[in-house]
Amino acid sequence: MTEETPGFDEKPEVPSGAIPEDAVPQAAGPDSSEEAGPAAPAGDLQEVALTAQLDQVRTALNERTADLQRLQAEYQNYRRRVERDRVTVKEVAVANLLSELLPVLDDIGRAREHGELVGGFKSVAESLETVAAKMGLQQFGKEGEPFDPTIHEALMHSYAPDVTETTCVAILQPGYRIGERTIRPARVAVAEPQPGAQAAKADEDEENGGPDEG
């Protein structure tokens, strides 16, 4: 009786519960972990996202703040412009109204000079002058003041030896203004120094030893 030698195709018996060798996963090689690289923690990624969102919010806030400041400046300029226009319109309206009353005020002035401002006419005239003054009307123009072409209108001209510059010697019609606005210049008669009078005076002072010293 001959003994049979087991062939190579026969597999040894595997105990129950044991894992075959070909079923065991092989460990990854040393190069696989290096190629993947270290994984970033989830907390860091969330912090980066929050920082980016915060930057966007800050940018939007700065833009809205700049828009609000620009609108506020435009509104302030609009208010100032409206107020300036309102004052200008009011001044023009008052000036136009008082300009129509100037002939009446001239008549009142002439009546006062001739002593005709009496009785009820005097009361009405003074009331009208009071109302005009409350509206800002101011009278100007006096005899003896230097002639100023910006507020005086010369209707008469003469020479006088006792003046050293062009002077208002008579007020033919008083001037009127409202604030800095002149609504009618003062109509005046002016006198200029007599031609040659200053030269004669200088010669006289030279003959007398010069002008007197204080």
N, C-alpha and C. Protein backbone atom coordinates (compact mmCIF):
# COMPACT_ATOMS: atom_id res chain seq x y z
N MET A 1 0.87 -1.18 0.00
CA MET A 1 0.00 0.00 0.00
C MET A 1 0.88 1.20 0.00
N THR A 2 0.59 2.03 -0.99
CA THR A 2 1.45 3.20 -1.13
C THR A 2 0.78 4.41 -0.53
N GLU A 3 1.61 5.38 0.05
CA GLU A 3 1.11 6.63 0.65
C GLU A 3 0.98 7.69 -0.42
N GLU A 4 -0.13 8.42 -0.35
CA GLU A 4 -0.39 9.51 -1.31
C GLU A 4 0.12 10.84 -0.75
N THR A 5 0.94 11.41 -1.59
CA THR A 5 1.48 12.72 -1.15
C THR A 5 0.52 13.84 -1.56
N PRO A 6 0.11 14.69 -0.63
CA PRO A 6 -0.85 15.78 -1.01
C PRO A 6 -0.25 16.68 -2.09
N GLY A 7 -1.15 17.01 -3.05
CA GLY A 7 -0.68 17.87 -4.15
C GLY A 7 -0.58 19.34 -3.72
N PHE A 8 0.02 20.05 -4.61
CA PHE A 8 0.18 21.48 -4.28
C PHE A 8 -1.13 22.25 -4.39
N ASP A 9 -2.11 21.68 -5.11
CA ASP A 9 -3.38 22.42 -5.28
C ASP A 9 -4.25 22.36 -4.06
N GLU A 10 -3.94 21.50 -3.20
CA GLU A 10 -4.76 21.37 -2.02
C GLU A 10 -4.41 22.48 -1.04
N LYS A 11 -5.46 23.09 -0.50
CA LYS A 11 -5.29 24.19 0.47
C LYS A 11 -5.39 23.66 1.87
N PRO A 12 -4.56 24.17 2.71
CA PRO A 12 -4.65 23.69 4.10
C PRO A 12 -5.96 24.16 4.72
N GLU A 13 -6.35 23.39 5.65
CA GLU A 13 -7.60 23.78 6.33
C GLU A 13 -7.40 25.05 7.14
N VAL A 14 -8.45 25.91 7.07
CA VAL A 14 -8.40 27.19 7.81
C VAL A 14 -9.31 27.09 8.99
N PRO A 15 -8.79 27.40 10.13
CA PRO A 15 -9.66 27.32 11.32
C PRO A 15 -10.83 28.28 11.17
N SER A 16 -11.95 27.84 11.79
CA SER A 16 -13.15 28.71 11.74
C SER A 16 -12.87 30.01 12.47
N GLY A 17 -13.37 31.14 11.89
CA GLY A 17 -13.17 32.47 12.51
C GLY A 17 -11.92 33.15 12.11
N ALA A 18 -11.02 32.50 11.43
CA ALA A 18 -9.77 33.14 11.00
C ALA A 18 -9.99 33.87 9.70
N ILE A 19 -9.26 34.96 9.47
CA ILE A 19 -9.39 35.80 8.28
C ILE A 19 -8.34 35.37 7.29
N PRO A 20 -8.78 35.09 6.09
CA PRO A 20 -7.75 34.69 5.09
C PRO A 20 -6.74 35.81 4.89
N GLU A 21 -5.56 35.33 4.50
CA GLU A 21 -4.49 36.31 4.32
C GLU A 21 -4.79 37.28 3.20
N ASP A 22 -5.45 36.82 2.10
CA ASP A 22 -5.72 37.73 1.00
C ASP A 22 -6.83 38.70 1.30
N ALA A 23 -7.57 38.48 2.43
CA ALA A 23 -8.65 39.41 2.81
C ALA A 23 -8.15 40.54 3.68
N VAL A 24 -6.93 40.45 4.20
CA VAL A 24 -6.39 41.51 5.08
C VAL A 24 -5.92 42.66 4.22
N PRO A 25 -6.44 43.85 4.42
CA PRO A 25 -5.97 45.00 3.60
C PRO A 25 -4.54 45.32 3.92
N GLN A 26 -3.86 45.63 2.88
CA GLN A 26 -2.46 45.99 3.07
C GLN A 26 -2.34 47.44 3.49
N ALA A 27 -1.39 47.71 4.34
CA ALA A 27 -1.18 49.09 4.83
C ALA A 27 -0.67 49.96 3.70
N ALA A 28 -1.13 51.17 3.69
CA ALA A 28 -0.69 52.10 2.64
C ALA A 28 0.78 52.35 2.77
N GLY A 29 1.37 52.55 1.65
CA GLY A 29 2.79 52.79 1.64
C GLY A 29 3.15 54.13 2.26
N PRO A 30 4.38 54.31 2.52
CA PRO A 30 4.81 55.56 3.17
C PRO A 30 4.60 56.78 2.29
N ASP A 31 4.49 56.66 0.97
CA ASP A 31 4.38 57.83 0.10
C ASP A 31 2.95 58.34 0.00
N SER A 32 1.94 57.51 0.33
CA SER A 32 0.54 57.92 0.13
C SER A 32 0.15 59.07 1.04
N SER A 33 0.58 59.07 2.29
CA SER A 33 0.22 60.14 3.24
C SER A 33 0.92 61.44 2.87
N GLU A 34 2.11 61.36 2.34
CA GLU A 34 2.83 62.58 1.98
C GLU A 34 2.19 63.25 0.79
N GLU A 35 1.66 62.41 -0.19
CA GLU A 35 1.04 63.03 -1.35
C GLU A 35 -0.25 63.74 -0.99
N ALA A 36 -1.04 63.22 -0.07
CA ALA A 36 -2.31 63.84 0.32
C ALA A 36 -2.09 65.12 1.10
N GLY A 37 -1.09 65.19 1.88
CA GLY A 37 -0.82 66.39 2.66
C GLY A 37 -1.66 66.44 3.91
N PRO A 38 -1.30 67.30 4.87
CA PRO A 38 -2.07 67.39 6.13
C PRO A 38 -3.42 68.04 5.89
N ALA A 39 -4.46 67.58 6.48
CA ALA A 39 -5.82 68.13 6.35
C ALA A 39 -5.97 69.32 7.27
N ALA A 40 -6.60 70.43 6.75
CA ALA A 40 -6.81 71.64 7.56
C ALA A 40 -7.93 71.40 8.54
N PRO A 41 -7.80 71.89 9.76
CA PRO A 41 -8.87 71.72 10.74
C PRO A 41 -10.12 72.47 10.30
N ALA A 42 -11.28 71.99 10.65
CA ALA A 42 -12.56 72.62 10.26
C ALA A 42 -12.71 73.99 10.91
N GLY A 43 -12.23 74.20 12.11
CA GLY A 43 -12.35 75.49 12.79
C GLY A 43 -11.63 76.61 12.06
N ASP A 44 -10.46 76.31 11.48
CA ASP A 44 -9.71 77.34 10.74
C ASP A 44 -10.46 77.77 9.49
N LEU A 45 -11.05 76.80 8.79
CA LEU A 45 -11.80 77.14 7.59
C LEU A 45 -13.00 78.02 7.92
N GLN A 46 -13.68 77.74 9.00
CA GLN A 46 -14.83 78.54 9.40
C GLN A 46 -14.41 79.96 9.79
N GLU A 47 -13.26 80.08 10.46
CA GLU A 47 -12.77 81.40 10.85
C GLU A 47 -12.41 82.25 9.62
N VAL A 48 -11.81 81.63 8.61
CA VAL A 48 -11.47 82.35 7.38
C VAL A 48 -12.73 82.84 6.68
N ALA A 49 -13.76 81.98 6.64
CA ALA A 49 -15.02 82.38 6.00
C ALA A 49 -15.67 83.54 6.74
N LEU A 50 -15.67 83.49 8.07
CA LEU A 50 -16.26 84.58 8.87
C LEU A 50 -15.49 85.89 8.68
N THR A 51 -14.17 85.80 8.58
CA THR A 51 -13.36 87.00 8.36
C THR A 51 -13.67 87.65 7.01
N ALA A 52 -13.84 86.82 5.98
CA ALA A 52 -14.18 87.34 4.65
C ALA A 52 -15.55 88.02 4.67
N GLN A 53 -16.52 87.38 5.36
CA GLN A 53 -17.85 88.00 5.46
C GLN A 53 -17.81 89.32 6.23
N LEU A 54 -17.00 89.36 7.29
CA LEU A 54 -16.87 90.58 8.07
C LEU A 54 -16.27 91.71 7.24
N ASP A 55 -15.28 91.40 6.41
CA ASP A 55 -14.68 92.40 5.53
C ASP A 55 -15.72 92.94 4.54
N GLN A 56 -16.54 92.06 4.01
CA GLN A 56 -17.59 92.51 3.08
C GLN A 56 -18.59 93.43 3.77
N VAL A 57 -18.97 93.07 4.99
CA VAL A 57 -19.91 93.91 5.74
C VAL A 57 -19.30 95.27 6.04
N ARG A 58 -18.04 95.31 6.41
CA ARG A 58 -17.38 96.59 6.69
C ARG A 58 -17.30 97.45 5.44
N THR A 59 -16.99 96.83 4.32
CA THR A 59 -16.94 97.60 3.06
C THR A 59 -18.30 98.17 2.72
N ALA A 60 -19.35 97.37 2.86
CA ALA A 60 -20.70 97.86 2.57
C ALA A 60 -21.09 98.97 3.53
N LEU A 61 -20.71 98.83 4.81
CA LEU A 61 -21.04 99.87 5.80
C LEU A 61 -20.34 101.18 5.47
N ASN A 62 -19.07 101.11 5.08
CA ASN A 62 -18.34 102.33 4.71
C ASN A 62 -18.97 103.00 3.50
N GLU A 63 -19.41 102.20 2.53
CA GLU A 63 -20.05 102.78 1.34
C GLU A 63 -21.36 103.46 1.70
N ARG A 64 -22.17 102.81 2.54
CA ARG A 64 -23.45 103.41 2.94
C ARG A 64 -23.23 104.66 3.79
N THR A 65 -22.20 104.64 4.63
CA THR A 65 -21.90 105.82 5.44
C THR A 65 -21.49 107.00 4.57
N ALA A 66 -20.67 106.73 3.55
CA ALA A 66 -20.26 107.80 2.63
C ALA A 66 -21.47 108.34 1.86
N ASP A 67 -22.38 107.44 1.44
CA ASP A 67 -23.59 107.90 0.76
C ASP A 67 -24.44 108.77 1.67
N LEU A 68 -24.58 108.38 2.92
CA LEU A 68 -25.38 109.15 3.87
C LEU A 68 -24.76 110.52 4.12
N GLN A 69 -23.44 110.57 4.27
CA GLN A 69 -22.78 111.86 4.48
C GLN A 69 -22.94 112.77 3.27
N ARG A 70 -22.84 112.21 2.07
CA ARG A 70 -23.03 113.01 0.86
C ARG A 70 -24.46 113.55 0.76
N LEU A 71 -25.44 112.70 1.07
CA LEU A 71 -26.82 113.15 1.04
C LEU A 71 -27.09 114.22 2.09
N GLN A 72 -26.48 114.07 3.25
CA GLN A 72 -26.67 115.07 4.30
C GLN A 72 -26.06 116.41 3.88
N ALA A 73 -24.89 116.39 3.26
CA ALA A 73 -24.26 117.63 2.79
C ALA A 73 -25.10 118.28 1.70
N GLU A 74 -25.62 117.47 0.79
CA GLU A 74 -26.47 118.03 -0.27
C GLU A 74 -27.74 118.64 0.31
N TYR A 75 -28.30 118.00 1.33
CA TYR A 75 -29.52 118.54 1.96
C TYR A 75 -29.24 119.85 2.67
N GLN A 76 -28.10 119.94 3.36
CA GLN A 76 -27.74 121.19 4.04
C GLN A 76 -27.53 122.31 3.03
N ASN A 77 -26.87 122.01 1.91
CA ASN A 77 -26.69 123.02 0.86
C ASN A 77 -28.04 123.45 0.28
N TYR A 78 -28.94 122.48 0.11
CA TYR A 78 -30.28 122.80 -0.41
C TYR A 78 -31.02 123.71 0.56
N ARG A 79 -30.95 123.43 1.85
CA ARG A 79 -31.63 124.27 2.84
C ARG A 79 -31.07 125.69 2.84
N ARG A 80 -29.74 125.80 2.79
CA ARG A 80 -29.14 127.14 2.77
C ARG A 80 -29.53 127.90 1.50
N ARG A 81 -29.55 127.18 0.36
CA ARG A 81 -29.92 127.84 -0.89
C ARG A 81 -31.38 128.29 -0.86
N VAL A 82 -32.27 127.46 -0.32
CA VAL A 82 -33.68 127.82 -0.23
C VAL A 82 -33.87 129.01 0.71
N GLU A 83 -33.16 129.00 1.83
CA GLU A 83 -33.29 130.10 2.77
C GLU A 83 -32.75 131.40 2.17
N ARG A 84 -31.62 131.32 1.46
CA ARG A 84 -31.06 132.50 0.81
C ARG A 84 -32.02 133.04 -0.26
N ASP A 85 -32.60 132.14 -1.04
CA ASP A 85 -33.55 132.57 -2.06
C ASP A 85 -34.80 133.18 -1.44
N ARG A 86 -35.24 132.60 -0.32
CA ARG A 86 -36.43 133.13 0.35
C ARG A 86 -36.19 134.55 0.85
N VAL A 87 -35.01 134.77 1.45
CA VAL A 87 -34.68 136.11 1.94
C VAL A 87 -34.57 137.09 0.77
N THR A 88 -33.93 136.64 -0.31
CA THR A 88 -33.78 137.52 -1.48
C THR A 88 -35.13 137.90 -2.06
N VAL A 89 -36.02 136.93 -2.20
CA VAL A 89 -37.35 137.21 -2.74
C VAL A 89 -38.10 138.17 -1.84
N LYS A 90 -37.98 137.98 -0.53
CA LYS A 90 -38.65 138.88 0.41
C LYS A 90 -38.11 140.30 0.29
N GLU A 91 -36.78 140.42 0.22
CA GLU A 91 -36.19 141.76 0.11
C GLU A 91 -36.62 142.45 -1.18
N VAL A 92 -36.66 141.71 -2.27
CA VAL A 92 -37.07 142.29 -3.55
C VAL A 92 -38.52 142.74 -3.49
N ALA A 93 -39.38 141.89 -2.89
CA ALA A 93 -40.80 142.24 -2.80
C ALA A 93 -41.00 143.50 -1.94
N VAL A 94 -40.30 143.56 -0.81
CA VAL A 94 -40.42 144.73 0.06
C VAL A 94 -39.87 145.98 -0.62
N ALA A 95 -38.73 145.83 -1.32
CA ALA A 95 -38.14 146.97 -2.02
C ALA A 95 -39.08 147.48 -3.12
N ASN A 96 -39.72 146.58 -3.84
CA ASN A 96 -40.65 147.01 -4.88
C ASN A 96 -41.85 147.75 -4.28
N LEU A 97 -42.36 147.24 -3.17
CA LEU A 97 -43.49 147.89 -2.52
C LEU A 97 -43.11 149.29 -2.03
N LEU A 98 -41.98 149.38 -1.34
CA LEU A 98 -41.58 150.68 -0.79
C LEU A 98 -41.18 151.65 -1.89
N SER A 99 -40.68 151.15 -3.01
CA SER A 99 -40.35 152.05 -4.12
C SER A 99 -41.59 152.77 -4.61
N GLU A 100 -42.74 152.08 -4.59
CA GLU A 100 -43.99 152.71 -5.01
C GLU A 100 -44.47 153.76 -4.01
N LEU A 101 -43.99 153.65 -2.76
CA LEU A 101 -44.41 154.61 -1.73
C LEU A 101 -43.50 155.82 -1.64
N LEU A 102 -42.36 155.80 -2.31
CA LEU A 102 -41.41 156.90 -2.18
C LEU A 102 -42.01 158.25 -2.60
N PRO A 103 -42.78 158.35 -3.69
CA PRO A 103 -43.38 159.66 -4.02
C PRO A 103 -44.29 160.18 -2.91
N VAL A 104 -45.01 159.26 -2.24
CA VAL A 104 -45.86 159.68 -1.13
C VAL A 104 -45.01 160.20 0.03
N LEU A 105 -43.91 159.51 0.31
CA LEU A 105 -43.01 159.97 1.37
C LEU A 105 -42.37 161.30 1.01
N ASP A 106 -42.09 161.53 -0.27
CA ASP A 106 -41.55 162.83 -0.70
C ASP A 106 -42.59 163.94 -0.45
N ASP A 107 -43.85 163.67 -0.75
CA ASP A 107 -44.90 164.66 -0.50
C ASP A 107 -45.03 164.95 0.99
N ILE A 108 -44.92 163.91 1.79
CA ILE A 108 -44.98 164.12 3.25
C ILE A 108 -43.82 164.99 3.71
N GLY A 109 -42.63 164.74 3.17
CA GLY A 109 -41.47 165.55 3.54
C GLY A 109 -41.62 167.01 3.15
N ARG A 110 -42.12 167.26 1.95
CA ARG A 110 -42.32 168.66 1.51
C ARG A 110 -43.40 169.34 2.35
N ALA A 111 -44.46 168.61 2.68
CA ALA A 111 -45.50 169.20 3.52
C ALA A 111 -44.95 169.53 4.90
N ARG A 112 -44.07 168.70 5.43
CA ARG A 112 -43.46 168.98 6.73
C ARG A 112 -42.57 170.23 6.66
N GLU A 113 -41.82 170.37 5.57
CA GLU A 113 -40.95 171.55 5.43
C GLU A 113 -41.75 172.85 5.34
N HIS A 114 -42.94 172.79 4.75
CA HIS A 114 -43.74 174.00 4.59
C HIS A 114 -44.76 174.18 5.71
N GLY A 115 -44.69 173.34 6.75
CA GLY A 115 -45.59 173.49 7.88
C GLY A 115 -47.01 173.08 7.58
N GLU A 116 -47.22 172.24 6.58
CA GLU A 116 -48.56 171.81 6.20
C GLU A 116 -48.93 170.44 6.77
N LEU A 117 -48.06 169.87 7.53
CA LEU A 117 -48.32 168.54 8.09
C LEU A 117 -49.04 168.72 9.44
N VAL A 118 -50.34 168.89 9.39
CA VAL A 118 -51.13 169.16 10.58
C VAL A 118 -52.38 168.28 10.57
N GLY A 119 -53.03 168.21 11.73
CA GLY A 119 -54.32 167.52 11.84
C GLY A 119 -54.22 166.04 11.53
N GLY A 120 -55.31 165.55 10.94
CA GLY A 120 -55.39 164.12 10.61
C GLY A 120 -54.36 163.71 9.57
N PHE A 121 -54.02 164.63 8.67
CA PHE A 121 -53.00 164.31 7.67
C PHE A 121 -51.66 164.00 8.34
N LYS A 122 -51.35 164.72 9.41
CA LYS A 122 -50.10 164.49 10.13
C LYS A 122 -50.10 163.10 10.76
N SER A 123 -51.23 162.70 11.36
CA SER A 123 -51.31 161.38 12.00
C SER A 123 -51.14 160.26 10.98
N VAL A 124 -51.82 160.41 9.82
CA VAL A 124 -51.70 159.38 8.78
C VAL A 124 -50.28 159.32 8.24
N ALA A 125 -49.67 160.48 8.02
CA ALA A 125 -48.32 160.53 7.47
C ALA A 125 -47.32 159.89 8.42
N GLU A 126 -47.44 160.19 9.71
CA GLU A 126 -46.51 159.61 10.67
C GLU A 126 -46.71 158.10 10.79
N SER A 127 -47.95 157.63 10.69
CA SER A 127 -48.21 156.19 10.73
C SER A 127 -47.58 155.50 9.52
N LEU A 128 -47.68 156.12 8.35
CA LEU A 128 -47.08 155.54 7.15
C LEU A 128 -45.56 155.49 7.27
N GLU A 129 -44.97 156.54 7.79
CA GLU A 129 -43.51 156.55 7.97
C GLU A 129 -43.07 155.49 8.97
N THR A 130 -43.88 155.28 10.02
CA THR A 130 -43.55 154.25 11.01
C THR A 130 -43.59 152.86 10.41
N VAL A 131 -44.63 152.59 9.60
CA VAL A 131 -44.74 151.28 8.96
C VAL A 131 -43.57 151.05 8.00
N ALA A 132 -43.20 152.08 7.22
CA ALA A 132 -42.08 151.95 6.29
C ALA A 132 -40.78 151.68 7.04
N ALA A 133 -40.60 152.33 8.19
CA ALA A 133 -39.38 152.11 8.97
C ALA A 133 -39.35 150.68 9.52
N LYS A 134 -40.52 150.16 9.94
CA LYS A 134 -40.56 148.79 10.45
C LYS A 134 -40.22 147.78 9.36
N MET A 135 -40.51 148.12 8.13
CA MET A 135 -40.19 147.24 7.01
C MET A 135 -38.73 147.36 6.58
N GLY A 136 -37.97 148.19 7.28
CA GLY A 136 -36.53 148.30 7.02
C GLY A 136 -36.12 149.48 6.19
N LEU A 137 -37.04 150.38 5.86
CA LEU A 137 -36.70 151.54 5.02
C LEU A 137 -35.92 152.57 5.84
N GLN A 138 -34.79 152.99 5.30
CA GLN A 138 -33.93 153.98 5.97
C GLN A 138 -33.66 155.13 5.02
N GLN A 139 -33.77 156.34 5.55
CA GLN A 139 -33.51 157.54 4.76
C GLN A 139 -32.06 157.97 4.97
N PHE A 140 -31.41 158.48 3.91
CA PHE A 140 -30.05 158.97 4.05
C PHE A 140 -29.85 160.17 3.13
N GLY A 141 -28.78 160.89 3.38
CA GLY A 141 -28.45 162.09 2.62
C GLY A 141 -28.52 163.32 3.50
N LYS A 142 -27.38 163.96 3.73
CA LYS A 142 -27.32 165.15 4.56
C LYS A 142 -26.44 166.20 3.88
N GLU A 143 -26.77 167.44 4.13
CA GLU A 143 -25.96 168.53 3.60
C GLU A 143 -24.59 168.53 4.27
N GLY A 144 -23.57 168.79 3.48
CA GLY A 144 -22.22 168.87 4.02
C GLY A 144 -21.42 167.59 3.95
N GLU A 145 -22.06 166.47 3.59
CA GLU A 145 -21.32 165.22 3.51
C GLU A 145 -20.64 165.10 2.16
N PRO A 146 -19.50 164.42 2.10
CA PRO A 146 -18.80 164.26 0.82
C PRO A 146 -19.67 163.56 -0.22
N PHE A 147 -19.51 163.94 -1.46
CA PHE A 147 -20.29 163.33 -2.53
C PHE A 147 -19.76 161.93 -2.82
N ASP A 148 -20.68 160.97 -2.86
CA ASP A 148 -20.35 159.57 -3.14
C ASP A 148 -21.22 159.13 -4.31
N PRO A 149 -20.64 158.89 -5.47
CA PRO A 149 -21.46 158.55 -6.64
C PRO A 149 -22.21 157.23 -6.51
N THR A 150 -21.84 156.39 -5.54
CA THR A 150 -22.54 155.12 -5.36
C THR A 150 -23.87 155.29 -4.63
N ILE A 151 -24.04 156.40 -3.90
CA ILE A 151 -25.29 156.61 -3.16
C ILE A 151 -25.90 157.99 -3.44
N HIS A 152 -25.18 158.86 -4.17
CA HIS A 152 -25.68 160.19 -4.49
C HIS A 152 -25.85 160.34 -6.00
N GLU A 153 -26.83 161.12 -6.37
CA GLU A 153 -27.05 161.48 -7.77
C GLU A 153 -27.02 163.00 -7.86
N ALA A 154 -26.01 163.55 -8.52
CA ALA A 154 -25.84 165.01 -8.60
C ALA A 154 -26.75 165.57 -9.68
N LEU A 155 -27.67 166.46 -9.26
CA LEU A 155 -28.58 167.12 -10.20
C LEU A 155 -28.16 168.55 -10.48
N MET A 156 -27.36 169.11 -9.58
CA MET A 156 -26.88 170.49 -9.74
C MET A 156 -25.41 170.53 -9.38
N HIS A 157 -24.69 171.44 -10.03
CA HIS A 157 -23.24 171.52 -9.82
C HIS A 157 -22.82 172.99 -9.73
N SER A 158 -21.91 173.24 -8.83
CA SER A 158 -21.41 174.61 -8.67
C SER A 158 -20.02 174.54 -8.05
N TYR A 159 -19.40 175.73 -7.91
CA TYR A 159 -18.10 175.85 -7.26
C TYR A 159 -18.27 176.69 -6.01
N ALA A 160 -17.47 176.37 -5.01
CA ALA A 160 -17.53 177.12 -3.76
C ALA A 160 -16.12 177.26 -3.20
N PRO A 161 -15.78 178.42 -2.69
CA PRO A 161 -14.42 178.62 -2.16
C PRO A 161 -14.20 177.98 -0.80
N ASP A 162 -15.28 177.61 -0.11
CA ASP A 162 -15.15 177.12 1.25
C ASP A 162 -15.19 175.59 1.34
N VAL A 163 -15.09 174.87 0.23
CA VAL A 163 -15.05 173.40 0.28
C VAL A 163 -13.71 172.93 -0.27
N THR A 164 -13.25 171.83 0.28
CA THR A 164 -11.95 171.27 -0.15
C THR A 164 -12.12 170.01 -0.99
N GLU A 165 -13.34 169.52 -1.14
CA GLU A 165 -13.64 168.36 -1.96
C GLU A 165 -15.08 168.48 -2.45
N THR A 166 -15.44 167.64 -3.38
CA THR A 166 -16.80 167.68 -3.90
C THR A 166 -17.76 167.34 -2.77
N THR A 167 -18.67 168.26 -2.47
CA THR A 167 -19.51 168.17 -1.29
C THR A 167 -20.98 168.34 -1.67
N CYS A 168 -21.84 167.63 -0.95
CA CYS A 168 -23.29 167.80 -1.11
C CYS A 168 -23.71 169.05 -0.35
N VAL A 169 -24.13 170.08 -1.06
CA VAL A 169 -24.50 171.35 -0.40
C VAL A 169 -26.01 171.47 -0.26
N ALA A 170 -26.78 170.63 -0.92
CA ALA A 170 -28.24 170.66 -0.78
C ALA A 170 -28.78 169.28 -1.12
N ILE A 171 -29.80 168.86 -0.36
CA ILE A 171 -30.46 167.58 -0.59
C ILE A 171 -31.79 167.87 -1.27
N LEU A 172 -31.88 167.59 -2.55
CA LEU A 172 -33.09 167.84 -3.30
C LEU A 172 -34.13 166.75 -3.06
N GLN A 173 -33.71 165.52 -2.96
CA GLN A 173 -34.57 164.40 -2.59
C GLN A 173 -33.73 163.43 -1.75
N PRO A 174 -34.22 163.04 -0.59
CA PRO A 174 -33.44 162.11 0.23
C PRO A 174 -33.35 160.74 -0.44
N GLY A 175 -32.30 160.02 -0.11
CA GLY A 175 -32.14 158.66 -0.61
C GLY A 175 -32.74 157.68 0.36
N TYR A 176 -33.03 156.48 -0.12
CA TYR A 176 -33.61 155.43 0.72
C TYR A 176 -32.90 154.12 0.44
N ARG A 177 -32.74 153.34 1.51
CA ARG A 177 -32.12 152.01 1.40
C ARG A 177 -32.85 151.04 2.31
N ILE A 178 -32.70 149.76 1.98
CA ILE A 178 -33.16 148.67 2.84
C ILE A 178 -31.96 147.78 3.12
N GLY A 179 -31.46 147.85 4.32
CA GLY A 179 -30.23 147.13 4.63
C GLY A 179 -29.09 147.70 3.81
N GLU A 180 -28.44 146.87 3.03
CA GLU A 180 -27.35 147.31 2.16
C GLU A 180 -27.84 147.61 0.74
N ARG A 181 -29.12 147.42 0.48
CA ARG A 181 -29.68 147.64 -0.85
C ARG A 181 -30.19 149.07 -0.97
N THR A 182 -29.64 149.83 -1.91
CA THR A 182 -30.09 151.20 -2.17
C THR A 182 -31.23 151.14 -3.18
N ILE A 183 -32.42 151.60 -2.75
CA ILE A 183 -33.56 151.57 -3.67
C ILE A 183 -33.74 152.92 -4.36
N ARG A 184 -33.12 153.98 -3.83
CA ARG A 184 -33.07 155.24 -4.56
C ARG A 184 -31.92 156.08 -4.03
N PRO A 185 -31.03 156.55 -4.91
CA PRO A 185 -29.92 157.40 -4.42
C PRO A 185 -30.44 158.76 -4.00
N ALA A 186 -29.69 159.41 -3.14
CA ALA A 186 -30.04 160.76 -2.74
C ALA A 186 -29.72 161.72 -3.88
N ARG A 187 -30.69 162.53 -4.25
CA ARG A 187 -30.50 163.49 -5.34
C ARG A 187 -30.09 164.82 -4.71
N VAL A 188 -28.91 165.28 -5.13
CA VAL A 188 -28.28 166.38 -4.40
C VAL A 188 -27.73 167.43 -5.36
N ALA A 189 -27.43 168.58 -4.77
CA ALA A 189 -26.65 169.61 -5.45
C ALA A 189 -25.26 169.58 -4.86
N VAL A 190 -24.26 169.59 -5.72
CA VAL A 190 -22.88 169.46 -5.25
C VAL A 190 -22.10 170.71 -5.59
N ALA A 191 -21.07 170.92 -4.80
CA ALA A 191 -20.16 172.05 -5.04
C ALA A 191 -18.74 171.52 -5.00
N GLU A 192 -17.93 172.01 -5.93
CA GLU A 192 -16.51 171.64 -5.98
C GLU A 192 -15.67 172.83 -5.57
N PRO A 193 -14.43 172.57 -5.15
CA PRO A 193 -13.55 173.70 -4.81
C PRO A 193 -13.39 174.64 -6.00
N GLN A 194 -13.32 175.93 -5.70
CA GLN A 194 -13.15 176.94 -6.75
C GLN A 194 -11.83 176.69 -7.47
N PRO A 195 -11.83 176.66 -8.81
CA PRO A 195 -10.57 176.44 -9.55
C PRO A 195 -9.52 177.48 -9.17
N GLY A 196 -8.33 177.03 -8.82
CA GLY A 196 -7.25 177.92 -8.43
C GLY A 196 -7.29 178.33 -6.98
N ALA A 197 -8.35 177.95 -6.25
CA ALA A 197 -8.45 178.36 -4.85
C ALA A 197 -7.39 177.67 -4.00
N GLN A 198 -7.16 176.38 -4.26
CA GLN A 198 -6.16 175.67 -3.46
C GLN A 198 -4.76 176.18 -3.77
N ALA A 199 -4.48 176.52 -5.05
CA ALA A 199 -3.16 177.06 -5.38
C ALA A 199 -2.95 178.40 -4.71
N ALA A 200 -4.00 179.26 -4.70
CA ALA A 200 -3.90 180.56 -4.05
C ALA A 200 -3.68 180.41 -2.55
N LYS A 201 -4.38 179.44 -1.96
CA LYS A 201 -4.23 179.20 -0.52
C LYS A 201 -2.82 178.71 -0.21
N ALA A 202 -2.25 177.86 -1.10
CA ALA A 202 -0.89 177.38 -0.88
C ALA A 202 0.11 178.52 -0.97
N ASP A 203 -0.11 179.44 -1.92
CA ASP A 203 0.79 180.60 -2.04
C ASP A 203 0.68 181.47 -0.81
N GLU A 204 -0.54 181.63 -0.31
CA GLU A 204 -0.74 182.47 0.88
C GLU A 204 -0.05 181.86 2.09
N ASP A 205 -0.15 180.52 2.21
CA ASP A 205 0.52 179.86 3.34
C ASP A 205 2.02 179.97 3.23
N GLU A 206 2.53 179.92 2.00
CA GLU A 206 3.98 180.04 1.82
C GLU A 206 4.46 181.43 2.17
N GLU A 207 3.68 182.46 1.81
CA GLU A 207 4.05 183.84 2.15
C GLU A 207 4.03 184.08 3.65
N ASN A 208 3.12 183.38 4.34
CA ASN A 208 2.99 183.57 5.79
C ASN A 208 3.89 182.64 6.58
N GLY A 209 4.82 181.95 5.88
CA GLY A 209 5.75 181.09 6.59
C GLY A 209 5.28 179.67 6.73
N GLY A 210 4.34 179.24 5.89
CA GLY A 210 3.87 177.85 5.94
C GLY A 210 2.66 177.74 6.82
N PRO A 211 2.01 176.60 6.75
CA PRO A 211 0.82 176.37 7.57
C PRO A 211 1.17 176.32 9.05
N ASP A 212 0.18 176.71 9.84
CA ASP A 212 0.40 176.70 11.28
C ASP A 212 0.59 175.28 11.79
N GLU A 213 1.53 175.14 12.69
CA GLU A 213 1.80 173.83 13.29
C GLU A 213 1.06 173.74 14.61
N GLY A 214 0.47 172.59 14.84
CA GLY A 214 -0.28 172.37 16.06
C GLY A 214 0.66 172.23 17.23
